[in-house]
């Protein structure tokens, strides 16, 4: 019985550390981070990921720091996540193929392969730089405000391919 109590204590401690690391990463960039909204991306009958938008005091402004966490519900290769991101940027009107190619290369360096239950978090700082975390480990930074705008507009722009997801992330719809 004592062994079970010790095991439960260890698991609770480890869980707290993991939660603290995640909160710590976001709180390094965002003062008083609070959720704005949450949504699940479903394509036909496939669940793709759960998304959560976090901002200071839960009040999102695109020019201020914020975070977007995607917890994947399926396996994806990092290069496919990068490729889909480029496709979404093109669909929203980004036409500079030189920049898109440069951003694709950077995203391939930053985005790992993900398994079900793993989380990629993008954090925008006060300089509009993008910091990417994978399960609470920093994977890299892209210091290009134009990239930041186009990348996060995939979810947050009025021109998004997923307007219902956007509304839920922005807290407009439950």
N, C-alpha and C. Protein backbone atom coordinates (compact mmCIF):
# COMPACT_ATOMS: atom_id res chain seq x y z
N UNK A 1 0.83 -1.20 0.00
CA UNK A 1 0.00 0.00 0.00
C UNK A 1 0.87 1.26 0.00
N UNK A 2 1.93 1.23 0.78
CA UNK A 2 2.82 2.39 0.83
C UNK A 2 3.45 2.64 -0.54
N UNK A 3 3.80 1.57 -1.26
CA UNK A 3 4.40 1.70 -2.59
C UNK A 3 3.44 2.41 -3.53
N UNK A 4 2.15 2.10 -3.43
CA UNK A 4 1.14 2.75 -4.28
C UNK A 4 1.08 4.24 -3.95
N UNK A 5 1.12 4.58 -2.66
CA UNK A 5 1.08 5.99 -2.26
C UNK A 5 2.29 6.74 -2.78
N UNK A 6 3.46 6.11 -2.70
CA UNK A 6 4.69 6.74 -3.20
C UNK A 6 4.59 6.94 -4.71
N UNK A 7 4.11 5.93 -5.44
CA UNK A 7 3.97 6.03 -6.88
C UNK A 7 3.00 7.15 -7.25
N UNK A 8 1.87 7.24 -6.57
CA UNK A 8 0.90 8.30 -6.84
C UNK A 8 1.53 9.66 -6.57
N UNK A 9 2.29 9.80 -5.49
CA UNK A 9 2.97 11.07 -5.19
C UNK A 9 3.95 11.45 -6.28
N UNK A 10 4.71 10.45 -6.76
CA UNK A 10 5.68 10.72 -7.82
C UNK A 10 4.97 11.16 -9.09
N UNK A 11 3.90 10.46 -9.46
CA UNK A 11 3.16 10.82 -10.66
C UNK A 11 2.55 12.21 -10.56
N UNK A 12 2.01 12.55 -9.41
CA UNK A 12 1.45 13.89 -9.22
C UNK A 12 2.54 14.95 -9.31
N UNK A 13 3.70 14.67 -8.75
CA UNK A 13 4.81 15.61 -8.82
C UNK A 13 5.27 15.79 -10.25
N UNK A 14 5.45 14.69 -10.98
CA UNK A 14 5.88 14.78 -12.38
C UNK A 14 4.85 15.54 -13.19
N UNK A 15 3.57 15.26 -12.99
CA UNK A 15 2.52 15.97 -13.70
C UNK A 15 2.56 17.46 -13.41
N UNK A 16 2.83 17.83 -12.16
CA UNK A 16 2.92 19.24 -11.80
C UNK A 16 4.10 19.90 -12.47
N UNK A 17 5.22 19.20 -12.55
CA UNK A 17 6.40 19.77 -13.20
C UNK A 17 6.14 20.00 -14.67
N UNK A 18 5.51 19.02 -15.35
CA UNK A 18 5.21 19.18 -16.76
C UNK A 18 4.28 20.36 -16.96
N UNK A 19 3.23 20.45 -16.14
CA UNK A 19 2.31 21.58 -16.25
C UNK A 19 3.05 22.88 -16.00
N UNK A 20 3.91 22.90 -14.99
CA UNK A 20 4.65 24.12 -14.66
C UNK A 20 5.57 24.53 -15.79
N UNK A 21 6.23 23.55 -16.43
CA UNK A 21 7.10 23.89 -17.55
C UNK A 21 6.32 24.53 -18.67
N UNK A 22 5.15 23.98 -18.99
CA UNK A 22 4.32 24.54 -20.04
C UNK A 22 3.88 25.96 -19.68
N UNK A 23 3.38 26.12 -18.49
CA UNK A 23 2.95 27.44 -18.04
C UNK A 23 4.13 28.40 -17.99
N UNK A 24 5.29 27.89 -17.60
CA UNK A 24 6.49 28.72 -17.52
C UNK A 24 6.89 29.23 -18.90
N UNK A 25 6.87 28.36 -19.93
CA UNK A 25 7.24 28.78 -21.28
C UNK A 25 6.32 29.90 -21.76
N UNK A 26 5.03 29.73 -21.58
CA UNK A 26 4.08 30.75 -22.03
C UNK A 26 4.24 32.01 -21.20
N UNK A 27 4.40 31.87 -19.89
CA UNK A 27 4.49 33.06 -19.03
C UNK A 27 5.79 33.84 -19.22
N UNK A 28 6.78 33.24 -19.88
CA UNK A 28 7.99 33.98 -20.23
C UNK A 28 7.70 35.08 -21.24
N UNK A 29 6.66 34.91 -22.02
CA UNK A 29 6.34 35.84 -23.10
C UNK A 29 5.04 36.62 -22.86
N UNK A 30 4.14 36.04 -22.06
CA UNK A 30 2.80 36.62 -21.90
C UNK A 30 2.54 36.90 -20.43
N UNK A 31 2.21 38.14 -20.14
CA UNK A 31 1.87 38.52 -18.77
C UNK A 31 0.45 38.05 -18.46
N UNK A 32 0.30 37.35 -17.34
CA UNK A 32 -0.98 36.83 -16.89
C UNK A 32 -1.72 36.06 -18.00
N UNK A 33 -1.09 34.98 -18.52
CA UNK A 33 -1.71 34.23 -19.62
C UNK A 33 -3.00 33.53 -19.19
N UNK A 34 -4.03 33.71 -20.00
CA UNK A 34 -5.33 33.07 -19.77
C UNK A 34 -5.88 32.61 -21.12
N UNK A 35 -6.64 31.52 -21.13
CA UNK A 35 -7.25 31.05 -22.39
C UNK A 35 -8.26 32.07 -22.93
N UNK A 36 -8.24 32.22 -24.24
CA UNK A 36 -9.23 33.05 -24.93
C UNK A 36 -10.35 32.13 -25.43
N UNK A 37 -9.95 31.03 -26.08
CA UNK A 37 -10.91 30.08 -26.60
C UNK A 37 -10.23 28.79 -27.00
N UNK A 38 -11.05 27.76 -27.21
CA UNK A 38 -10.56 26.44 -27.60
C UNK A 38 -11.44 25.89 -28.70
N UNK A 39 -10.84 25.03 -29.54
CA UNK A 39 -11.61 24.44 -30.64
C UNK A 39 -10.94 23.15 -31.09
N UNK A 40 -11.71 22.30 -31.73
CA UNK A 40 -11.18 21.08 -32.32
C UNK A 40 -11.31 21.19 -33.84
N UNK A 41 -10.21 20.90 -34.54
CA UNK A 41 -10.26 20.84 -36.00
C UNK A 41 -10.63 19.43 -36.40
N UNK A 42 -11.75 19.33 -37.12
CA UNK A 42 -12.22 18.06 -37.66
C UNK A 42 -12.35 18.23 -39.17
N UNK A 43 -11.78 17.29 -39.90
CA UNK A 43 -11.91 17.29 -41.35
C UNK A 43 -12.68 16.02 -41.70
N UNK A 44 -13.86 16.22 -42.24
CA UNK A 44 -14.80 15.13 -42.50
C UNK A 44 -15.02 14.38 -41.19
N UNK A 45 -14.60 13.14 -41.08
CA UNK A 45 -14.81 12.40 -39.83
C UNK A 45 -13.51 12.16 -39.07
N UNK A 46 -12.44 12.89 -39.43
CA UNK A 46 -11.15 12.76 -38.73
C UNK A 46 -10.95 13.93 -37.77
N UNK A 47 -10.56 13.61 -36.56
CA UNK A 47 -10.15 14.63 -35.60
C UNK A 47 -8.67 14.90 -35.86
N UNK A 48 -8.30 16.16 -36.07
CA UNK A 48 -6.92 16.52 -36.43
C UNK A 48 -6.16 17.02 -35.20
N UNK A 49 -6.67 18.05 -34.55
CA UNK A 49 -6.03 18.58 -33.34
C UNK A 49 -7.01 19.40 -32.53
N UNK A 50 -6.68 19.58 -31.26
CA UNK A 50 -7.37 20.52 -30.38
C UNK A 50 -6.49 21.76 -30.29
N UNK A 51 -7.10 22.92 -30.45
CA UNK A 51 -6.36 24.19 -30.43
C UNK A 51 -6.81 25.04 -29.26
N UNK A 52 -5.85 25.75 -28.68
CA UNK A 52 -6.16 26.68 -27.58
C UNK A 52 -5.39 27.97 -27.82
N UNK A 53 -6.11 29.09 -27.79
CA UNK A 53 -5.52 30.42 -27.92
C UNK A 53 -5.38 31.01 -26.52
N UNK A 54 -4.18 31.53 -26.21
CA UNK A 54 -3.88 32.09 -24.89
C UNK A 54 -3.36 33.51 -25.09
N UNK A 55 -3.83 34.43 -24.26
CA UNK A 55 -3.43 35.83 -24.37
C UNK A 55 -3.41 36.46 -22.97
N UNK A 56 -2.80 37.65 -22.86
CA UNK A 56 -2.79 38.32 -21.56
C UNK A 56 -4.22 38.54 -21.06
N UNK A 57 -4.50 38.07 -19.87
CA UNK A 57 -5.83 38.20 -19.25
C UNK A 57 -6.94 37.62 -20.13
N UNK A 58 -6.59 36.75 -21.08
CA UNK A 58 -7.59 36.16 -21.96
C UNK A 58 -8.14 37.14 -22.98
N UNK A 59 -7.41 38.23 -23.23
CA UNK A 59 -7.86 39.29 -24.14
C UNK A 59 -6.91 39.33 -25.35
N UNK A 60 -7.33 38.77 -26.46
CA UNK A 60 -6.48 38.65 -27.65
C UNK A 60 -6.44 39.93 -28.47
N UNK A 61 -5.22 40.35 -28.80
CA UNK A 61 -4.95 41.42 -29.76
C UNK A 61 -3.77 40.93 -30.60
N UNK A 62 -3.90 40.87 -31.93
CA UNK A 62 -2.84 40.27 -32.75
C UNK A 62 -1.49 40.98 -32.66
N UNK A 63 -1.48 42.24 -32.26
CA UNK A 63 -0.22 42.97 -32.17
C UNK A 63 0.47 42.79 -30.81
N UNK A 64 -0.17 42.10 -29.88
CA UNK A 64 0.39 41.84 -28.56
C UNK A 64 0.77 40.36 -28.44
N UNK A 65 1.59 40.00 -27.45
CA UNK A 65 1.97 38.60 -27.28
C UNK A 65 0.75 37.69 -27.08
N UNK A 66 0.86 36.48 -27.65
CA UNK A 66 -0.17 35.46 -27.48
C UNK A 66 0.45 34.11 -27.81
N UNK A 67 -0.28 33.05 -27.52
CA UNK A 67 0.18 31.70 -27.82
C UNK A 67 -0.96 30.90 -28.42
N UNK A 68 -0.59 29.97 -29.30
CA UNK A 68 -1.55 29.04 -29.88
C UNK A 68 -0.97 27.65 -29.71
N UNK A 69 -1.68 26.82 -28.95
CA UNK A 69 -1.23 25.45 -28.68
C UNK A 69 -2.10 24.48 -29.47
N UNK A 70 -1.46 23.57 -30.21
CA UNK A 70 -2.16 22.54 -30.97
C UNK A 70 -1.78 21.18 -30.41
N UNK A 71 -2.76 20.48 -29.86
CA UNK A 71 -2.53 19.12 -29.37
C UNK A 71 -3.07 18.18 -30.43
N UNK A 72 -2.17 17.45 -31.04
CA UNK A 72 -2.52 16.61 -32.19
C UNK A 72 -3.24 15.34 -31.77
N UNK A 73 -4.22 14.97 -32.57
CA UNK A 73 -5.03 13.79 -32.32
C UNK A 73 -4.72 12.68 -33.33
N UNK A 74 -3.70 12.92 -34.14
CA UNK A 74 -3.22 11.98 -35.15
C UNK A 74 -1.72 12.20 -35.32
N UNK A 75 -1.06 11.28 -35.97
CA UNK A 75 0.37 11.42 -36.26
C UNK A 75 0.56 12.25 -37.53
N UNK A 76 1.57 13.14 -37.50
CA UNK A 76 1.92 13.93 -38.68
C UNK A 76 3.43 14.10 -38.73
N UNK A 77 3.98 14.13 -39.93
CA UNK A 77 5.39 14.44 -40.09
C UNK A 77 5.55 15.96 -40.07
N UNK A 78 6.64 16.42 -39.48
CA UNK A 78 6.90 17.85 -39.40
C UNK A 78 6.92 18.52 -40.76
N UNK A 79 7.50 17.85 -41.76
CA UNK A 79 7.55 18.46 -43.10
C UNK A 79 6.16 18.62 -43.69
N UNK A 80 5.23 17.73 -43.34
CA UNK A 80 3.85 17.87 -43.82
C UNK A 80 3.12 19.00 -43.12
N UNK A 81 3.42 19.22 -41.84
CA UNK A 81 2.85 20.37 -41.13
C UNK A 81 3.35 21.66 -41.77
N UNK A 82 4.65 21.72 -42.08
CA UNK A 82 5.22 22.90 -42.72
C UNK A 82 4.60 23.12 -44.10
N UNK A 83 4.45 22.04 -44.87
CA UNK A 83 3.89 22.15 -46.21
C UNK A 83 2.45 22.64 -46.17
N UNK A 84 1.66 22.09 -45.26
CA UNK A 84 0.26 22.52 -45.13
C UNK A 84 0.18 23.99 -44.70
N UNK A 85 1.11 24.41 -43.85
CA UNK A 85 1.14 25.81 -43.41
C UNK A 85 1.40 26.73 -44.60
N UNK A 86 2.32 26.34 -45.47
CA UNK A 86 2.61 27.14 -46.67
C UNK A 86 1.39 27.19 -47.58
N UNK A 87 0.72 26.07 -47.76
CA UNK A 87 -0.50 26.04 -48.59
C UNK A 87 -1.54 27.00 -48.04
N UNK A 88 -1.71 27.01 -46.72
CA UNK A 88 -2.70 27.91 -46.10
C UNK A 88 -2.30 29.37 -46.29
N UNK A 89 -1.02 29.69 -46.18
CA UNK A 89 -0.56 31.07 -46.40
C UNK A 89 -0.84 31.49 -47.84
N UNK A 90 -0.56 30.60 -48.80
CA UNK A 90 -0.86 30.90 -50.22
C UNK A 90 -2.36 31.15 -50.40
N UNK A 91 -3.18 30.30 -49.80
CA UNK A 91 -4.63 30.43 -49.94
C UNK A 91 -5.14 31.76 -49.39
N UNK A 92 -4.41 32.32 -48.42
CA UNK A 92 -4.81 33.60 -47.85
C UNK A 92 -4.25 34.79 -48.63
N UNK A 93 -3.44 34.51 -49.65
CA UNK A 93 -2.99 35.60 -50.51
C UNK A 93 -1.50 35.89 -50.50
N UNK A 94 -0.69 35.13 -49.76
CA UNK A 94 0.76 35.34 -49.78
C UNK A 94 1.29 34.84 -51.12
N UNK A 95 1.86 35.74 -51.91
CA UNK A 95 2.29 35.39 -53.27
C UNK A 95 3.81 35.38 -53.45
N UNK A 96 4.56 35.80 -52.46
CA UNK A 96 6.03 35.88 -52.58
C UNK A 96 6.62 34.48 -52.40
N UNK A 97 6.88 33.80 -53.51
CA UNK A 97 7.35 32.41 -53.46
C UNK A 97 8.75 32.29 -52.86
N UNK A 98 9.56 33.33 -52.97
CA UNK A 98 10.90 33.29 -52.36
C UNK A 98 10.77 33.26 -50.84
N UNK A 99 9.92 34.12 -50.30
CA UNK A 99 9.69 34.11 -48.85
C UNK A 99 9.06 32.80 -48.39
N UNK A 100 8.07 32.32 -49.14
CA UNK A 100 7.42 31.07 -48.77
C UNK A 100 8.42 29.92 -48.73
N UNK A 101 9.33 29.88 -49.70
CA UNK A 101 10.35 28.83 -49.71
C UNK A 101 11.28 28.95 -48.51
N UNK A 102 11.66 30.17 -48.17
CA UNK A 102 12.52 30.41 -47.00
C UNK A 102 11.80 29.99 -45.72
N UNK A 103 10.53 30.36 -45.59
CA UNK A 103 9.74 30.01 -44.41
C UNK A 103 9.54 28.50 -44.32
N UNK A 104 9.32 27.85 -45.47
CA UNK A 104 9.15 26.40 -45.49
C UNK A 104 10.40 25.71 -44.93
N UNK A 105 11.56 26.17 -45.37
CA UNK A 105 12.82 25.60 -44.87
C UNK A 105 12.95 25.79 -43.36
N UNK A 106 12.63 26.98 -42.88
CA UNK A 106 12.73 27.25 -41.43
C UNK A 106 11.75 26.39 -40.65
N UNK A 107 10.51 26.26 -41.15
CA UNK A 107 9.53 25.45 -40.44
C UNK A 107 9.94 23.98 -40.42
N UNK A 108 10.52 23.49 -41.50
CA UNK A 108 10.99 22.09 -41.51
C UNK A 108 12.06 21.86 -40.45
N UNK A 109 12.87 22.88 -40.18
CA UNK A 109 13.91 22.77 -39.16
C UNK A 109 13.31 22.78 -37.75
N UNK A 110 12.19 23.46 -37.60
CA UNK A 110 11.59 23.67 -36.28
C UNK A 110 10.53 22.63 -35.93
N UNK A 111 9.71 22.24 -36.89
CA UNK A 111 8.58 21.37 -36.60
C UNK A 111 9.00 19.90 -36.60
N UNK A 112 8.82 19.21 -35.48
CA UNK A 112 9.14 17.79 -35.41
C UNK A 112 7.97 16.95 -35.92
N UNK A 113 8.21 15.67 -36.08
CA UNK A 113 7.11 14.74 -36.29
C UNK A 113 6.32 14.68 -34.99
N UNK A 114 5.00 14.59 -35.10
CA UNK A 114 4.17 14.54 -33.89
C UNK A 114 3.36 13.26 -33.87
N UNK A 115 3.15 12.76 -32.68
CA UNK A 115 2.29 11.61 -32.44
C UNK A 115 1.02 12.09 -31.75
N UNK A 116 0.03 11.24 -31.73
CA UNK A 116 -1.22 11.54 -31.04
C UNK A 116 -0.93 11.94 -29.59
N UNK A 117 -1.53 13.06 -29.16
CA UNK A 117 -1.38 13.52 -27.79
C UNK A 117 -0.24 14.50 -27.57
N UNK A 118 0.58 14.72 -28.59
CA UNK A 118 1.70 15.65 -28.44
C UNK A 118 1.27 17.06 -28.86
N UNK A 119 1.93 18.06 -28.27
CA UNK A 119 1.52 19.44 -28.46
C UNK A 119 2.63 20.29 -29.07
N UNK A 120 2.26 21.06 -30.08
CA UNK A 120 3.11 22.11 -30.63
C UNK A 120 2.50 23.43 -30.20
N UNK A 121 3.31 24.30 -29.63
CA UNK A 121 2.84 25.61 -29.20
C UNK A 121 3.65 26.69 -29.88
N UNK A 122 2.96 27.60 -30.53
CA UNK A 122 3.60 28.77 -31.11
C UNK A 122 3.31 29.97 -30.23
N UNK A 123 4.36 30.69 -29.88
CA UNK A 123 4.21 31.86 -29.00
C UNK A 123 4.73 33.09 -29.74
N UNK A 124 3.93 34.13 -29.76
CA UNK A 124 4.32 35.39 -30.37
C UNK A 124 4.76 36.33 -29.26
N UNK A 125 5.96 36.90 -29.39
CA UNK A 125 6.45 37.81 -28.35
C UNK A 125 6.13 39.26 -28.71
N UNK A 126 6.60 40.19 -27.89
CA UNK A 126 6.28 41.60 -28.10
C UNK A 126 6.99 42.20 -29.32
N UNK A 127 7.95 41.48 -29.92
CA UNK A 127 8.61 41.93 -31.15
C UNK A 127 8.01 41.26 -32.39
N UNK A 128 6.94 40.48 -32.17
CA UNK A 128 6.28 39.72 -33.22
C UNK A 128 7.18 38.63 -33.80
N UNK A 129 8.04 38.07 -32.95
CA UNK A 129 8.84 36.90 -33.31
C UNK A 129 8.05 35.66 -32.87
N UNK A 130 8.24 34.57 -33.58
CA UNK A 130 7.54 33.31 -33.29
C UNK A 130 8.48 32.33 -32.61
N UNK A 131 8.08 31.83 -31.46
CA UNK A 131 8.85 30.83 -30.70
C UNK A 131 8.02 29.56 -30.69
N UNK A 132 8.66 28.43 -31.01
CA UNK A 132 7.93 27.17 -31.11
C UNK A 132 8.42 26.18 -30.07
N UNK A 133 7.45 25.57 -29.38
CA UNK A 133 7.72 24.57 -28.35
C UNK A 133 7.03 23.28 -28.73
N UNK A 134 7.70 22.16 -28.47
CA UNK A 134 7.15 20.83 -28.70
C UNK A 134 7.14 20.12 -27.36
N UNK A 135 5.95 19.83 -26.84
CA UNK A 135 5.83 19.22 -25.52
C UNK A 135 6.73 19.93 -24.50
N UNK A 136 6.68 21.23 -24.50
CA UNK A 136 7.37 22.09 -23.53
C UNK A 136 8.86 22.25 -23.77
N UNK A 137 9.40 21.69 -24.86
CA UNK A 137 10.81 21.90 -25.19
C UNK A 137 10.89 22.88 -26.35
N UNK A 138 11.72 23.91 -26.20
CA UNK A 138 11.85 24.90 -27.26
C UNK A 138 12.52 24.27 -28.47
N UNK A 139 11.87 24.42 -29.62
CA UNK A 139 12.37 23.85 -30.87
C UNK A 139 13.05 24.90 -31.74
N UNK A 140 12.68 26.17 -31.57
CA UNK A 140 13.30 27.21 -32.38
C UNK A 140 12.49 28.48 -32.40
N UNK A 141 13.09 29.49 -33.00
CA UNK A 141 12.48 30.82 -33.13
C UNK A 141 12.61 31.28 -34.57
N UNK A 142 11.58 31.92 -35.06
CA UNK A 142 11.64 32.57 -36.37
C UNK A 142 11.42 34.05 -36.11
N UNK A 143 12.49 34.83 -36.30
CA UNK A 143 12.48 36.26 -35.97
C UNK A 143 12.09 37.09 -37.19
N UNK A 144 10.89 36.88 -37.67
CA UNK A 144 10.40 37.58 -38.85
C UNK A 144 8.94 37.94 -38.61
N UNK A 145 8.66 39.22 -38.30
CA UNK A 145 7.27 39.61 -38.02
C UNK A 145 6.31 39.31 -39.17
N UNK A 146 6.81 39.35 -40.40
CA UNK A 146 5.92 39.05 -41.53
C UNK A 146 5.54 37.56 -41.51
N UNK A 147 6.51 36.69 -41.22
CA UNK A 147 6.19 35.27 -41.07
C UNK A 147 5.15 35.09 -39.97
N UNK A 148 5.38 35.73 -38.83
CA UNK A 148 4.46 35.60 -37.70
C UNK A 148 3.04 35.96 -38.11
N UNK A 149 2.88 37.06 -38.81
CA UNK A 149 1.54 37.49 -39.24
C UNK A 149 0.90 36.43 -40.12
N UNK A 150 1.60 35.99 -41.16
CA UNK A 150 1.04 35.04 -42.11
C UNK A 150 0.80 33.68 -41.46
N UNK A 151 1.73 33.25 -40.62
CA UNK A 151 1.59 31.93 -40.01
C UNK A 151 0.38 31.87 -39.08
N UNK A 152 0.26 32.81 -38.16
CA UNK A 152 -0.85 32.75 -37.20
C UNK A 152 -2.19 33.14 -37.83
N UNK A 153 -2.13 33.85 -38.96
CA UNK A 153 -3.37 34.14 -39.68
C UNK A 153 -4.02 32.87 -40.23
N UNK A 154 -3.26 31.79 -40.32
CA UNK A 154 -3.85 30.52 -40.73
C UNK A 154 -5.06 30.22 -39.85
N UNK A 155 -4.99 30.54 -38.58
CA UNK A 155 -6.08 30.27 -37.63
C UNK A 155 -6.87 31.52 -37.27
N UNK A 156 -6.22 32.69 -37.28
CA UNK A 156 -6.81 33.86 -36.64
C UNK A 156 -7.31 34.95 -37.59
N UNK A 157 -7.02 34.82 -38.88
CA UNK A 157 -7.45 35.81 -39.85
C UNK A 157 -8.91 35.58 -40.25
N UNK A 158 -9.56 36.64 -40.67
CA UNK A 158 -10.91 36.51 -41.21
C UNK A 158 -10.90 35.66 -42.48
N UNK A 159 -9.74 35.55 -43.14
CA UNK A 159 -9.60 34.77 -44.37
C UNK A 159 -9.22 33.31 -44.12
N UNK A 160 -9.26 32.86 -42.88
CA UNK A 160 -8.90 31.48 -42.56
C UNK A 160 -9.78 30.49 -43.33
N UNK A 161 -9.25 29.32 -43.57
CA UNK A 161 -10.04 28.27 -44.22
C UNK A 161 -10.99 27.59 -43.22
N UNK A 162 -10.84 27.92 -41.94
CA UNK A 162 -11.65 27.31 -40.88
C UNK A 162 -12.32 28.40 -40.03
N UNK A 163 -13.33 29.09 -40.57
CA UNK A 163 -13.92 30.22 -39.83
C UNK A 163 -14.59 29.84 -38.50
N UNK A 164 -15.19 28.65 -38.42
CA UNK A 164 -15.83 28.25 -37.16
C UNK A 164 -14.77 27.99 -36.08
N UNK A 165 -13.66 27.39 -36.47
CA UNK A 165 -12.56 27.17 -35.53
C UNK A 165 -12.05 28.52 -35.03
N UNK A 166 -11.89 29.48 -35.95
CA UNK A 166 -11.43 30.83 -35.58
C UNK A 166 -12.37 31.47 -34.56
N UNK A 167 -13.66 31.38 -34.82
CA UNK A 167 -14.62 31.97 -33.89
C UNK A 167 -14.52 31.38 -32.50
N UNK A 168 -14.35 30.07 -32.43
CA UNK A 168 -14.21 29.42 -31.12
C UNK A 168 -12.90 29.83 -30.44
N UNK A 169 -11.82 29.91 -31.20
CA UNK A 169 -10.55 30.32 -30.62
C UNK A 169 -10.62 31.74 -30.07
N UNK A 170 -11.32 32.61 -30.79
CA UNK A 170 -11.45 34.00 -30.36
C UNK A 170 -12.52 34.18 -29.29
N UNK A 171 -13.16 33.09 -28.89
CA UNK A 171 -14.15 33.15 -27.83
C UNK A 171 -15.49 33.67 -28.29
N UNK A 172 -15.70 33.73 -29.62
CA UNK A 172 -16.96 34.27 -30.15
C UNK A 172 -18.08 33.25 -30.14
N UNK A 173 -17.73 31.96 -30.14
CA UNK A 173 -18.71 30.88 -30.19
C UNK A 173 -18.31 29.83 -29.20
N UNK A 174 -19.26 29.24 -28.51
CA UNK A 174 -18.96 28.14 -27.56
C UNK A 174 -19.06 26.80 -28.24
